[in-house]
Amino acid sequence: MPELDGWLRRRVRTGYWKPWRRVRTKVHHLLARGTGKHQAILTALSRKAYRHLARTLATQTGITNQWLASRGLLSVRDLWMKAHGYT
């Protein structure tokens, strides 16, 4: 379950990253969410694929699990553990 949960979170991060098409927009959103300035700029300037950039430190510190949960994303791992009585 943790692998599936991580994969889903990366896909959701990719979905947030993709509409921020311009470098300036990417930097602005990452800085607003708490990413360091240097990391935000380096990640925004990267020409790598969206799915690759969703795994970077800057994207994961900018689009955190808590931020995704506040947007309504449920954790598959937590739901699975609750259903099987692990919590």
PDB file of N, CA and C in Angstrom:
ATOM      1  N   MET A   1       0.785  -1.212   0.000  1.00  0.00           N
ATOM      2  CA  MET A   1       0.000   0.000   0.000  1.00  0.00           C
ATOM      3  C   MET A   1       0.831   1.283   0.000  1.00  0.00           C
ATOM      4  N   PRO A   2       1.947   1.328   0.730  1.00  0.00           N
ATOM      5  CA  PRO A   2       2.722   2.577   0.703  1.00  0.00           C
ATOM      6  C   PRO A   2       3.210   2.948  -0.698  1.00  0.00           C
ATOM      7  N   GLU A   3       3.562   1.940  -1.514  1.00  0.00           N
ATOM      8  CA  GLU A   3       4.017   2.223  -2.873  1.00  0.00           C
ATOM      9  C   GLU A   3       2.892   2.816  -3.708  1.00  0.00           C
ATOM     10  N   LEU A   4       1.693   2.260  -3.572  1.00  0.00           N
ATOM     11  CA  LEU A   4       0.543   2.773  -4.310  1.00  0.00           C
ATOM     12  C   LEU A   4       0.195   4.185  -3.859  1.00  0.00           C
ATOM     13  N   ASP A   5       0.254   4.429  -2.575  1.00  0.00           N
ATOM     14  CA  ASP A   5      -0.039   5.749  -2.031  1.00  0.00           C
ATOM     15  C   ASP A   5       0.972   6.781  -2.541  1.00  0.00           C
ATOM     16  N   GLY A   6       2.239   6.410  -2.546  1.00  0.00           N
ATOM     17  CA  GLY A   6       3.275   7.309  -3.058  1.00  0.00           C
ATOM     18  C   GLY A   6       3.107   7.591  -4.540  1.00  0.00           C
ATOM     19  N   TRP A   7       2.755   6.566  -5.301  1.00  0.00           N
ATOM     20  CA  TRP A   7       2.546   6.743  -6.738  1.00  0.00           C
ATOM     21  C   TRP A   7       1.394   7.703  -6.998  1.00  0.00           C
ATOM     22  N   LEU A   8       0.297   7.536  -6.249  1.00  0.00           N
ATOM     23  CA  LEU A   8      -0.847   8.429  -6.429  1.00  0.00           C
ATOM     24  C   LEU A   8      -0.499   9.867  -6.078  1.00  0.00           C
ATOM     25  N   ARG A   9       0.249  10.051  -5.016  1.00  0.00           N
ATOM     26  CA  ARG A   9       0.656  11.414  -4.629  1.00  0.00           C
ATOM     27  C   ARG A   9       1.545  12.049  -5.694  1.00  0.00           C
ATOM     28  N   ARG A  10       2.437  11.275  -6.278  1.00  0.00           N
ATOM     29  CA  ARG A  10       3.274  11.817  -7.355  1.00  0.00           C
ATOM     30  C   ARG A  10       2.434  12.205  -8.557  1.00  0.00           C
ATOM     31  N   ARG A  11       1.434  11.403  -8.869  1.00  0.00           N
ATOM     32  CA  ARG A  11       0.558  11.736 -10.000  1.00  0.00           C
ATOM     33  C   ARG A  11      -0.230  13.016  -9.720  1.00  0.00           C
ATOM     34  N   VAL A  12      -0.681  13.188  -8.501  1.00  0.00           N
ATOM     35  CA  VAL A  12      -1.415  14.405  -8.138  1.00  0.00           C
ATOM     36  C   VAL A  12      -0.472  15.611  -8.185  1.00  0.00           C
ATOM     37  N   ARG A  13       0.758  15.442  -7.685  1.00  0.00           N
ATOM     38  CA  ARG A  13       1.732  16.539  -7.774  1.00  0.00           C
ATOM     39  C   ARG A  13       2.003  16.910  -9.225  1.00  0.00           C
ATOM     40  N   THR A  14       2.066  15.905 -10.093  1.00  0.00           N
ATOM     41  CA  THR A  14       2.245  16.165 -11.517  1.00  0.00           C
ATOM     42  C   THR A  14       1.077  16.980 -12.054  1.00  0.00           C
ATOM     43  N   GLY A  15      -0.120  16.650 -11.606  1.00  0.00           N
ATOM     44  CA  GLY A  15      -1.304  17.388 -12.040  1.00  0.00           C
ATOM     45  C   GLY A  15      -1.298  18.840 -11.597  1.00  0.00           C
ATOM     46  N   TYR A  16      -0.730  19.127 -10.435  1.00  0.00           N
ATOM     47  CA  TYR A  16      -0.602  20.514  -9.987  1.00  0.00           C
ATOM     48  C   TYR A  16       0.535  21.216 -10.718  1.00  0.00           C
ATOM     49  N   TRP A  17       1.627  20.514 -11.002  1.00  0.00           N
ATOM     50  CA  TRP A  17       2.803  21.102 -11.617  1.00  0.00           C
ATOM     51  C   TRP A  17       2.561  21.470 -13.081  1.00  0.00           C
ATOM     52  N   LYS A  18       1.814  20.644 -13.785  1.00  0.00           N
ATOM     53  CA  LYS A  18       1.663  20.808 -15.228  1.00  0.00           C
ATOM     54  C   LYS A  18       1.005  22.129 -15.648  1.00  0.00           C
ATOM     55  N   PRO A  19      -0.051  22.599 -15.000  1.00  0.00           N
ATOM     56  CA  PRO A  19      -0.660  23.865 -15.431  1.00  0.00           C
ATOM     57  C   PRO A  19       0.215  25.098 -15.168  1.00  0.00           C
ATOM     58  N   TRP A  20       1.219  24.969 -14.296  1.00  0.00           N
ATOM     59  CA  TRP A  20       2.112  26.094 -14.031  1.00  0.00           C
ATOM     60  C   TRP A  20       3.162  26.121 -15.134  1.00  0.00           C
ATOM     61  N   ARG A  21       2.792  26.554 -16.299  1.00  0.00           N
ATOM     62  CA  ARG A  21       3.603  26.399 -17.493  1.00  0.00           C
ATOM     63  C   ARG A  21       4.855  27.278 -17.507  1.00  0.00           C
ATOM     64  N   ARG A  22       4.767  28.504 -17.022  1.00  0.00           N
ATOM     65  CA  ARG A  22       5.897  29.417 -17.078  1.00  0.00           C
ATOM     66  C   ARG A  22       6.797  29.256 -15.848  1.00  0.00           C
ATOM     67  N   VAL A  23       8.076  29.537 -16.047  1.00  0.00           N
ATOM     68  CA  VAL A  23       9.052  29.411 -14.960  1.00  0.00           C
ATOM     69  C   VAL A  23       8.674  30.329 -13.803  1.00  0.00           C
ATOM     70  N   ARG A  24       8.288  31.540 -14.126  1.00  0.00           N
ATOM     71  CA  ARG A  24       7.924  32.507 -13.088  1.00  0.00           C
ATOM     72  C   ARG A  24       6.756  32.001 -12.243  1.00  0.00           C
ATOM     73  N   THR A  25       5.788  31.390 -12.876  1.00  0.00           N
ATOM     74  CA  THR A  25       4.627  30.849 -12.162  1.00  0.00           C
ATOM     75  C   THR A  25       5.040  29.696 -11.262  1.00  0.00           C
ATOM     76  N   LYS A  26       5.888  28.818 -11.764  1.00  0.00           N
ATOM     77  CA  LYS A  26       6.352  27.684 -10.967  1.00  0.00           C
ATOM     78  C   LYS A  26       7.099  28.165  -9.726  1.00  0.00           C
ATOM     79  N   VAL A  27       8.008  29.121  -9.915  1.00  0.00           N
ATOM     80  CA  VAL A  27       8.778  29.653  -8.788  1.00  0.00           C
ATOM     81  C   VAL A  27       7.840  30.312  -7.784  1.00  0.00           C
ATOM     82  N   HIS A  28       6.898  31.092  -8.280  1.00  0.00           N
ATOM     83  CA  HIS A  28       5.956  31.791  -7.399  1.00  0.00           C
ATOM     84  C   HIS A  28       5.175  30.806  -6.526  1.00  0.00           C
ATOM     85  N   HIS A  29       4.636  29.762  -7.138  1.00  0.00           N
ATOM     86  CA  HIS A  29       3.838  28.785  -6.388  1.00  0.00           C
ATOM     87  C   HIS A  29       4.691  27.994  -5.397  1.00  0.00           C
ATOM     88  N   LEU A  30       5.895  27.626  -5.799  1.00  0.00           N
ATOM     89  CA  LEU A  30       6.759  26.877  -4.887  1.00  0.00           C
ATOM     90  C   LEU A  30       7.187  27.739  -3.699  1.00  0.00           C
ATOM     91  N   LEU A  31       7.530  28.999  -3.951  1.00  0.00           N
ATOM     92  CA  LEU A  31       7.917  29.889  -2.862  1.00  0.00           C
ATOM     93  C   LEU A  31       6.752  30.150  -1.917  1.00  0.00           C
ATOM     94  N   ALA A  32       5.559  30.277  -2.470  1.00  0.00           N
ATOM     95  CA  ALA A  32       4.371  30.516  -1.640  1.00  0.00           C
ATOM     96  C   ALA A  32       4.075  29.330  -0.728  1.00  0.00           C
ATOM     97  N   ARG A  33       4.521  28.148  -1.111  1.00  0.00           N
ATOM     98  CA  ARG A  33       4.252  26.947  -0.325  1.00  0.00           C
ATOM     99  C   ARG A  33       5.430  26.522   0.537  1.00  0.00           C
ATOM    100  N   GLY A  34       6.482  27.347   0.621  1.00  0.00           N
ATOM    101  CA  GLY A  34       7.542  27.094   1.574  1.00  0.00           C
ATOM    102  C   GLY A  34       8.819  26.468   1.044  1.00  0.00           C
ATOM    103  N   THR A  35       8.967  26.326  -0.244  1.00  0.00           N
ATOM    104  CA  THR A  35      10.195  25.788  -0.810  1.00  0.00           C
ATOM    105  C   THR A  35      11.271  26.871  -0.785  1.00  0.00           C
ATOM    106  N   GLY A  36      12.508  26.478  -0.590  1.00  0.00           N
ATOM    107  CA  GLY A  36      13.614  27.435  -0.612  1.00  0.00           C
ATOM    108  C   GLY A  36      13.772  28.062  -1.989  1.00  0.00           C
ATOM    109  N   LYS A  37      14.244  29.295  -2.006  1.00  0.00           N
ATOM    110  CA  LYS A  37      14.337  30.050  -3.255  1.00  0.00           C
ATOM    111  C   LYS A  37      15.257  29.369  -4.273  1.00  0.00           C
ATOM    112  N   HIS A  38      16.418  28.922  -3.829  1.00  0.00           N
ATOM    113  CA  HIS A  38      17.376  28.297  -4.738  1.00  0.00           C
ATOM    114  C   HIS A  38      16.805  27.018  -5.349  1.00  0.00           C
ATOM    115  N   GLN A  39      16.221  26.165  -4.524  1.00  0.00           N
ATOM    116  CA  GLN A  39      15.631  24.918  -5.021  1.00  0.00           C
ATOM    117  C   GLN A  39      14.460  25.189  -5.958  1.00  0.00           C
ATOM    118  N   ALA A  40      13.636  26.185  -5.621  1.00  0.00           N
ATOM    119  CA  ALA A  40      12.479  26.514  -6.459  1.00  0.00           C
ATOM    120  C   ALA A  40      12.924  26.956  -7.847  1.00  0.00           C
ATOM    121  N   ILE A  41      13.947  27.786  -7.907  1.00  0.00           N
ATOM    122  CA  ILE A  41      14.428  28.279  -9.200  1.00  0.00           C
ATOM    123  C   ILE A  41      15.043  27.154 -10.017  1.00  0.00           C
ATOM    124  N   LEU A  42      15.882  26.340  -9.391  1.00  0.00           N
ATOM    125  CA  LEU A  42      16.514  25.233 -10.124  1.00  0.00           C
ATOM    126  C   LEU A  42      15.476  24.247 -10.661  1.00  0.00           C
ATOM    127  N   THR A  43      14.475  23.944  -9.871  1.00  0.00           N
ATOM    128  CA  THR A  43      13.444  23.006 -10.315  1.00  0.00           C
ATOM    129  C   THR A  43      12.590  23.609 -11.416  1.00  0.00           C
ATOM    130  N   ALA A  44      12.242  24.882 -11.283  1.00  0.00           N
ATOM    131  CA  ALA A  44      11.407  25.534 -12.291  1.00  0.00           C
ATOM    132  C   ALA A  44      12.136  25.656 -13.628  1.00  0.00           C
ATOM    133  N   LEU A  45      13.446  25.817 -13.599  1.00  0.00           N
ATOM    134  CA  LEU A  45      14.217  25.944 -14.834  1.00  0.00           C
ATOM    135  C   LEU A  45      14.520  24.604 -15.496  1.00  0.00           C
ATOM    136  N   SER A  46      14.293  23.515 -14.795  1.00  0.00           N
ATOM    137  CA  SER A  46      14.605  22.197 -15.329  1.00  0.00           C
ATOM    138  C   SER A  46      13.706  21.867 -16.522  1.00  0.00           C
ATOM    139  N   ARG A  47      14.279  21.173 -17.484  1.00  0.00           N
ATOM    140  CA  ARG A  47      13.529  20.783 -18.668  1.00  0.00           C
ATOM    141  C   ARG A  47      13.100  19.316 -18.611  1.00  0.00           C
ATOM    142  N   LYS A  48      13.252  18.722 -17.455  1.00  0.00           N
ATOM    143  CA  LYS A  48      12.869  17.313 -17.322  1.00  0.00           C
ATOM    144  C   LYS A  48      11.350  17.174 -17.337  1.00  0.00           C
ATOM    145  N   ALA A  49      10.901  15.949 -17.476  1.00  0.00           N
ATOM    146  CA  ALA A  49       9.470  15.666 -17.607  1.00  0.00           C
ATOM    147  C   ALA A  49       8.718  15.986 -16.317  1.00  0.00           C
ATOM    148  N   TYR A  50       7.433  16.265 -16.448  1.00  0.00           N
ATOM    149  CA  TYR A  50       6.593  16.603 -15.303  1.00  0.00           C
ATOM    150  C   TYR A  50       6.643  15.511 -14.241  1.00  0.00           C
ATOM    151  N   ARG A  51       6.549  14.268 -14.663  1.00  0.00           N
ATOM    152  CA  ARG A  51       6.521  13.167 -13.699  1.00  0.00           C
ATOM    153  C   ARG A  51       7.853  13.038 -12.973  1.00  0.00           C
ATOM    154  N   HIS A  52       8.942  13.396 -13.640  1.00  0.00           N
ATOM    155  CA  HIS A  52      10.247  13.363 -12.975  1.00  0.00           C
ATOM    156  C   HIS A  52      10.355  14.500 -11.957  1.00  0.00           C
ATOM    157  N   LEU A  53       9.873  15.672 -12.319  1.00  0.00           N
ATOM    158  CA  LEU A  53       9.962  16.820 -11.423  1.00  0.00           C
ATOM    159  C   LEU A  53       9.028  16.690 -10.231  1.00  0.00           C
ATOM    160  N   ALA A  54       7.996  15.871 -10.337  1.00  0.00           N
ATOM    161  CA  ALA A  54       7.095  15.649  -9.205  1.00  0.00           C
ATOM    162  C   ALA A  54       7.791  14.884  -8.079  1.00  0.00           C
ATOM    163  N   ARG A  55       8.939  14.292  -8.368  1.00  0.00           N
ATOM    164  CA  ARG A  55       9.687  13.543  -7.356  1.00  0.00           C
ATOM    165  C   ARG A  55      10.814  14.357  -6.733  1.00  0.00           C
ATOM    166  N   THR A  56      11.000  15.604  -7.143  1.00  0.00           N
ATOM    167  CA  THR A  56      12.108  16.405  -6.629  1.00  0.00           C
ATOM    168  C   THR A  56      11.815  16.918  -5.225  1.00  0.00           C
ATOM    169  N   LEU A  57      12.875  17.292  -4.528  1.00  0.00           N
ATOM    170  CA  LEU A  57      12.747  17.811  -3.177  1.00  0.00           C
ATOM    171  C   LEU A  57      11.935  19.108  -3.159  1.00  0.00           C
ATOM    172  N   ALA A  58      12.160  19.970  -4.130  1.00  0.00           N
ATOM    173  CA  ALA A  58      11.445  21.249  -4.167  1.00  0.00           C
ATOM    174  C   ALA A  58       9.944  21.046  -4.334  1.00  0.00           C
ATOM    175  N   THR A  59       9.554  20.135  -5.188  1.00  0.00           N
ATOM    176  CA  THR A  59       8.135  19.889  -5.406  1.00  0.00           C
ATOM    177  C   THR A  59       7.509  19.221  -4.192  1.00  0.00           C
ATOM    178  N   GLN A  60       8.229  18.315  -3.558  1.00  0.00           N
ATOM    179  CA  GLN A  60       7.678  17.628  -2.397  1.00  0.00           C
ATOM    180  C   GLN A  60       7.616  18.519  -1.163  1.00  0.00           C
ATOM    181  N   THR A  61       8.512  19.507  -1.067  1.00  0.00           N
ATOM    182  CA  THR A  61       8.413  20.444   0.050  1.00  0.00           C
ATOM    183  C   THR A  61       7.397  21.534  -0.236  1.00  0.00           C
ATOM    184  N   GLY A  62       7.131  21.803  -1.501  1.00  0.00           N
ATOM    185  CA  GLY A  62       6.136  22.802  -1.873  1.00  0.00           C
ATOM    186  C   GLY A  62       4.726  22.240  -1.865  1.00  0.00           C
ATOM    187  N   ILE A  63       4.578  21.048  -2.373  1.00  0.00           N
ATOM    188  CA  ILE A  63       3.266  20.395  -2.416  1.00  0.00           C
ATOM    189  C   ILE A  63       3.344  19.218  -1.445  1.00  0.00           C
ATOM    190  N   THR A  64       3.237  19.507  -0.171  1.00  0.00           N
ATOM    191  CA  THR A  64       3.406  18.497   0.868  1.00  0.00           C
ATOM    192  C   THR A  64       2.174  17.607   0.984  1.00  0.00           C
ATOM    193  N   ASN A  65       2.337  16.523   1.721  1.00  0.00           N
ATOM    194  CA  ASN A  65       1.212  15.622   1.965  1.00  0.00           C
ATOM    195  C   ASN A  65       0.109  16.325   2.755  1.00  0.00           C
ATOM    196  N   GLN A  66       0.500  17.184   3.689  1.00  0.00           N
ATOM    197  CA  GLN A  66      -0.490  17.929   4.470  1.00  0.00           C
ATOM    198  C   GLN A  66      -1.260  18.898   3.582  1.00  0.00           C
ATOM    199  N   TRP A  67      -0.567  19.532   2.645  1.00  0.00           N
ATOM    200  CA  TRP A  67      -1.241  20.461   1.732  1.00  0.00           C
ATOM    201  C   TRP A  67      -2.210  19.699   0.837  1.00  0.00           C
ATOM    202  N   LEU A  68      -1.798  18.536   0.370  1.00  0.00           N
ATOM    203  CA  LEU A  68      -2.687  17.719  -0.456  1.00  0.00           C
ATOM    204  C   LEU A  68      -3.901  17.252   0.348  1.00  0.00           C
ATOM    205  N   ALA A  69      -3.689  16.906   1.608  1.00  0.00           N
ATOM    206  CA  ALA A  69      -4.811  16.488   2.464  1.00  0.00           C
ATOM    207  C   ALA A  69      -5.772  17.648   2.689  1.00  0.00           C
ATOM    208  N   SER A  70      -5.244  18.866   2.812  1.00  0.00           N
ATOM    209  CA  SER A  70      -6.131  20.023   2.987  1.00  0.00           C
ATOM    210  C   SER A  70      -6.940  20.297   1.725  1.00  0.00           C
ATOM    211  N   ARG A  71      -6.436  19.829   0.590  1.00  0.00           N
ATOM    212  CA  ARG A  71      -7.163  19.957  -0.679  1.00  0.00           C
ATOM    213  C   ARG A  71      -8.141  18.811  -0.912  1.00  0.00           C
ATOM    214  N   GLY A  72      -8.158  17.828   0.001  1.00  0.00           N
ATOM    215  CA  GLY A  72      -9.138  16.754  -0.093  1.00  0.00           C
ATOM    216  C   GLY A  72      -8.605  15.407  -0.542  1.00  0.00           C
ATOM    217  N   LEU A  73      -7.289  15.275  -0.707  1.00  0.00           N
ATOM    218  CA  LEU A  73      -6.727  13.991  -1.120  1.00  0.00           C
ATOM    219  C   LEU A  73      -6.672  13.049   0.078  1.00  0.00           C
ATOM    220  N   LEU A  74      -7.290  11.897  -0.058  1.00  0.00           N
ATOM    221  CA  LEU A  74      -7.288  10.892   0.998  1.00  0.00           C
ATOM    222  C   LEU A  74      -6.078   9.988   0.832  1.00  0.00           C
ATOM    223  N   SER A  75      -5.534   9.536   1.929  1.00  0.00           N
ATOM    224  CA  SER A  75      -4.405   8.623   1.901  1.00  0.00           C
ATOM    225  C   SER A  75      -4.920   7.191   1.763  1.00  0.00           C
ATOM    226  N   VAL A  76      -4.533   6.540   0.691  1.00  0.00           N
ATOM    227  CA  VAL A  76      -4.945   5.157   0.456  1.00  0.00           C
ATOM    228  C   VAL A  76      -4.369   4.259   1.543  1.00  0.00           C
ATOM    229  N   ARG A  77      -3.139   4.538   1.953  1.00  0.00           N
ATOM    230  CA  ARG A  77      -2.489   3.744   2.996  1.00  0.00           C
ATOM    231  C   ARG A  77      -3.261   3.847   4.306  1.00  0.00           C
ATOM    232  N   ASP A  78      -3.641   5.069   4.709  1.00  0.00           N
ATOM    233  CA  ASP A  78      -4.390   5.246   5.950  1.00  0.00           C
ATOM    234  C   ASP A  78      -5.755   4.565   5.892  1.00  0.00           C
ATOM    235  N   LEU A  79      -6.425   4.655   4.763  1.00  0.00           N
ATOM    236  CA  LEU A  79      -7.722   4.000   4.610  1.00  0.00           C
ATOM    237  C   LEU A  79      -7.582   2.484   4.686  1.00  0.00           C
ATOM    238  N   TRP A  80      -6.532   1.952   4.059  1.00  0.00           N
ATOM    239  CA  TRP A  80      -6.307   0.514   4.078  1.00  0.00           C
ATOM    240  C   TRP A  80      -6.000   0.033   5.494  1.00  0.00           C
ATOM    241  N   MET A  81      -5.162   0.798   6.216  1.00  0.00           N
ATOM    242  CA  MET A  81      -4.818   0.415   7.588  1.00  0.00           C
ATOM    243  C   MET A  81      -6.039   0.479   8.504  1.00  0.00           C
ATOM    244  N   LYS A  82      -6.874   1.474   8.303  1.00  0.00           N
ATOM    245  CA  LYS A  82      -8.085   1.587   9.113  1.00  0.00           C
ATOM    246  C   LYS A  82      -9.049   0.434   8.833  1.00  0.00           C
ATOM    247  N   ALA A  83      -9.178   0.060   7.559  1.00  0.00           N
ATOM    248  CA  ALA A  83     -10.077  -1.029   7.185  1.00  0.00           C
ATOM    249  C   ALA A  83      -9.602  -2.382   7.722  1.00  0.00           C
ATOM    250  N   HIS A  84      -8.295  -2.547   7.886  1.00  0.00           N
ATOM    251  CA  HIS A  84      -7.754  -3.802   8.362  1.00  0.00           C
ATOM    252  C   HIS A  84      -7.414  -3.790   9.850  1.00  0.00           C
ATOM    253  N   GLY A  85      -7.781  -2.728  10.533  1.00  0.00           N
ATOM    254  CA  GLY A  85      -7.653  -2.671  11.988  1.00  0.00           C
ATOM    255  C   GLY A  85      -6.257  -2.450  12.516  1.00  0.00           C
ATOM    256  N   TYR A  86      -5.401  -1.789  11.758  1.00  0.00           N
ATOM    257  CA  TYR A  86      -4.037  -1.530  12.206  1.00  0.00           C
ATOM    258  C   TYR A  86      -3.898  -0.246  13.010  1.00  0.00           C
ATOM    259  N   THR A  87      -4.926   0.576  13.071  1.00  0.00           N
ATOM    260  CA  THR A  87      -4.801   1.835  13.827  1.00  0.00           C
ATOM    261  C   THR A  87      -5.654   1.815  15.048  1.00  0.00           C
TER     262      THR A  87
END
